[in-house]
Protein backbone atom coordinates (compact mmCIF):
# COMPACT_ATOMS: atom_id res chain seq x y z
CA MET A 1 139.55 145.18 42.83
CA ARG A 2 137.47 143.29 45.38
CA ILE A 3 134.27 144.83 44.07
CA ARG A 4 135.10 143.80 40.46
CA ASN A 5 135.95 140.25 41.61
CA ALA A 6 132.74 140.07 43.63
CA ILE A 7 130.68 141.24 40.64
CA SER A 8 132.43 138.75 38.34
CA ALA A 9 131.77 135.92 40.80
CA ALA A 10 128.10 136.93 41.10
CA VAL A 11 127.71 136.94 37.30
CA VAL A 12 129.25 133.47 37.04
CA VAL A 13 126.97 132.09 39.78
CA ALA A 14 123.87 133.72 38.26
CA THR A 15 124.72 132.41 34.80
CA ALA A 16 125.32 128.89 36.12
CA THR A 17 122.06 129.01 38.11
CA VAL A 18 120.03 130.14 35.09
CA GLY A 19 121.63 127.37 33.02
CA MET A 20 120.78 124.76 35.66
CA VAL A 21 117.19 126.00 36.00
CA THR A 22 116.76 125.90 32.24
CA ALA A 23 118.25 122.42 32.03
CA VAL A 24 116.25 121.07 34.96
CA GLY A 25 113.01 122.93 34.25
CA GLY A 26 112.72 122.16 30.55
CA PRO A 27 111.59 118.85 29.06
CA ALA A 28 114.35 116.43 28.06
CA GLN A 29 115.02 116.60 24.33
CA ALA A 30 117.30 114.54 22.11
CA ALA A 31 119.95 116.43 20.22
CA TRP A 32 118.65 117.29 16.75
CA VAL A 33 120.90 116.44 13.82
CA PRO A 34 119.99 118.69 10.89
CA PRO A 35 120.05 117.28 7.39
CA PHE A 36 123.27 117.81 5.53
CA ARG A 37 123.65 117.86 1.75
CA LYS A 38 126.50 117.52 -0.71
CA CYS A 39 125.77 118.25 -4.37
CA THR A 40 127.61 118.21 -7.65
CA SER A 41 126.32 120.28 -10.56
CA PHE A 42 126.83 119.16 -14.15
CA ASP A 43 126.35 120.56 -17.64
CA GLN A 44 127.60 118.01 -20.16
CA ASN A 45 126.47 116.10 -23.26
CA GLY A 46 123.07 117.82 -23.28
CA PHE A 47 122.41 117.11 -19.60
CA LYS A 48 122.17 119.88 -17.03
CA GLY A 49 121.34 119.57 -13.35
CA ASP A 50 122.80 118.28 -10.11
CA VAL A 51 123.10 115.11 -8.08
CA CYS A 52 122.92 115.26 -4.30
CA VAL A 53 123.33 113.08 -1.25
CA ASP A 54 121.66 114.02 2.01
CA ARG A 55 122.35 112.69 5.48
CA VAL A 56 119.45 112.86 7.91
CA GLY A 57 118.41 111.32 11.18
CA LEU A 58 118.73 111.12 14.92
CA GLY A 59 120.87 108.19 15.97
CA PRO A 60 120.93 105.93 12.90
CA GLN A 61 121.88 107.96 9.87
CA GLU A 62 119.97 107.70 6.61
CA PHE A 63 121.55 108.62 3.29
CA LEU A 64 119.32 109.90 0.48
CA GLY A 65 120.50 110.07 -3.13
CA GLN A 66 118.63 112.17 -5.65
CA GLY A 67 119.01 114.10 -8.85
CA ASN A 68 117.54 117.31 -10.17
CA ILE A 69 117.41 117.62 -13.95
CA GLN A 70 117.07 120.91 -15.80
CA GLU A 71 117.82 119.62 -19.31
CA PHE A 72 118.38 116.27 -21.03
CA PRO A 73 118.92 115.13 -24.65
CA SER A 74 116.17 113.40 -26.63
CA LYS A 75 118.04 110.06 -26.63
CA CYS A 76 117.68 109.82 -22.82
CA ALA A 77 115.31 106.96 -21.93
CA LYS A 78 115.70 106.62 -18.15
CA PHE A 79 117.61 107.64 -15.06
CA ARG A 80 118.93 105.60 -12.15
CA VAL A 81 119.89 107.07 -8.77
CA ASP A 82 122.26 105.13 -6.51
CA VAL A 83 123.51 105.59 -2.96
CA VAL A 84 127.11 104.41 -3.17
CA ASP A 85 129.69 103.21 -0.64
CA PRO A 86 133.01 105.06 -1.04
CA ASP A 87 134.53 101.85 -2.43
CA GLY A 88 132.17 102.21 -5.42
CA THR A 89 129.53 99.62 -4.49
CA ALA A 90 125.95 100.77 -5.06
CA VAL A 91 124.15 99.84 -1.84
CA ARG A 92 120.69 101.11 -2.81
CA SER A 93 119.22 102.20 -6.14
CA VAL A 94 116.07 103.63 -7.66
CA ASN A 95 115.92 102.52 -11.28
CA ASN A 96 113.85 103.03 -14.45
CA ILE A 97 112.89 106.62 -13.80
CA PRO A 98 111.65 108.07 -17.11
CA CYS A 99 113.70 111.02 -18.34
CA THR A 100 112.01 114.20 -17.20
CA THR A 101 112.97 117.57 -15.76
CA GLY A 102 112.75 118.24 -12.05
CA ALA A 103 113.51 115.92 -9.16
CA VAL A 104 114.34 112.34 -10.14
CA GLY A 105 114.33 109.49 -7.69
CA THR A 106 115.21 109.26 -4.08
CA ALA A 107 117.33 106.26 -3.17
CA ARG A 108 117.12 105.82 0.61
CA TYR A 109 119.68 103.90 2.62
CA LEU A 110 119.91 103.45 6.39
CA ALA A 111 123.61 103.64 7.32
CA GLU A 112 125.14 100.37 8.42
CA LEU A 113 128.68 99.10 8.76
CA HIS A 114 129.17 98.43 5.07
CA VAL A 115 128.79 102.09 4.12
CA ASN A 116 131.30 102.98 6.84
CA GLY A 117 129.30 106.09 7.75
CA ARG A 118 130.13 107.62 4.37
CA ALA A 119 128.27 107.63 1.08
CA TYR A 120 127.70 109.54 -2.12
CA ALA A 121 124.98 109.62 -4.75
CA ARG A 122 125.40 108.64 -8.39
CA LEU A 123 123.03 109.75 -11.17
CA VAL A 124 123.12 107.59 -14.29
CA SER A 125 121.25 108.15 -17.54
CA LEU A 126 120.66 105.36 -20.05
CA ASP A 127 119.36 105.26 -23.60
CA SER A 128 116.67 102.80 -24.73
CA ALA A 129 119.32 100.14 -25.50
CA GLY A 130 120.72 100.38 -21.95
CA ASN A 131 123.88 102.30 -22.89
CA THR A 132 125.17 104.79 -20.33
CA LEU A 133 124.82 108.38 -21.51
CA LEU A 134 125.77 110.09 -18.25
CA SER A 135 127.22 109.08 -14.90
CA VAL A 136 127.79 111.82 -12.31
CA ASN A 137 128.74 111.43 -8.62
CA SER A 138 128.00 113.83 -5.80
CA GLU A 139 130.63 114.63 -3.21
CA ILE A 140 131.05 112.14 -0.36
CA ILE A 141 129.11 112.92 2.79
CA VAL A 142 130.24 111.59 6.19
CA SER A 143 128.14 110.57 9.16
CA PRO A 144 129.08 112.41 12.37
CA PHE A 145 129.33 108.98 14.02
CA ASP A 146 131.97 107.68 11.58
CA ASN A 147 135.25 106.70 13.32
CA HIS A 148 137.29 106.24 10.13
C-alpha cells in the first residue's frame, strides 16, 4: 500500500513539475478564441443557399454576416446582408450586392453593448422595384463574454 501511495505521489509531483516548467518556460500567449458559425440553409421561391453569422476575435468580439447562394430566380436584382441584434434591429448592413451565385456580402460588426453579445445574420433579396423576394435569418450566435 505504501509503495502504491508513494508512486502515486511521485506521479502527481512529476506531472505538476512538468506543467510548471511548461508554463514558466514557454512564451506567454493569449487564449485563442476560434471562430464560431451558425448557419441556416434555405430552399424556397427559387432561392437556394444559406445565411451564416460568424463570431471571431480575441477580446472584443466581431460578428460577420454573410450569405452563400447556389440558385436564385431571374427576378432577383440584389441582395442585402445584415448583422442583426436579437431585438430585430439591423446594426450593420452590406447592401446592393448584385444577384449572383457564391458568397454574397460580409457585413462586419464589432460587438458593443447594443448587440448584447448576441447577433444573427439576415439575407434579404430584392427585385428591381425594391420589393422583398426573400428574407432568411441565421440562428443567433452568442459571445462567450455575454452575461445575459
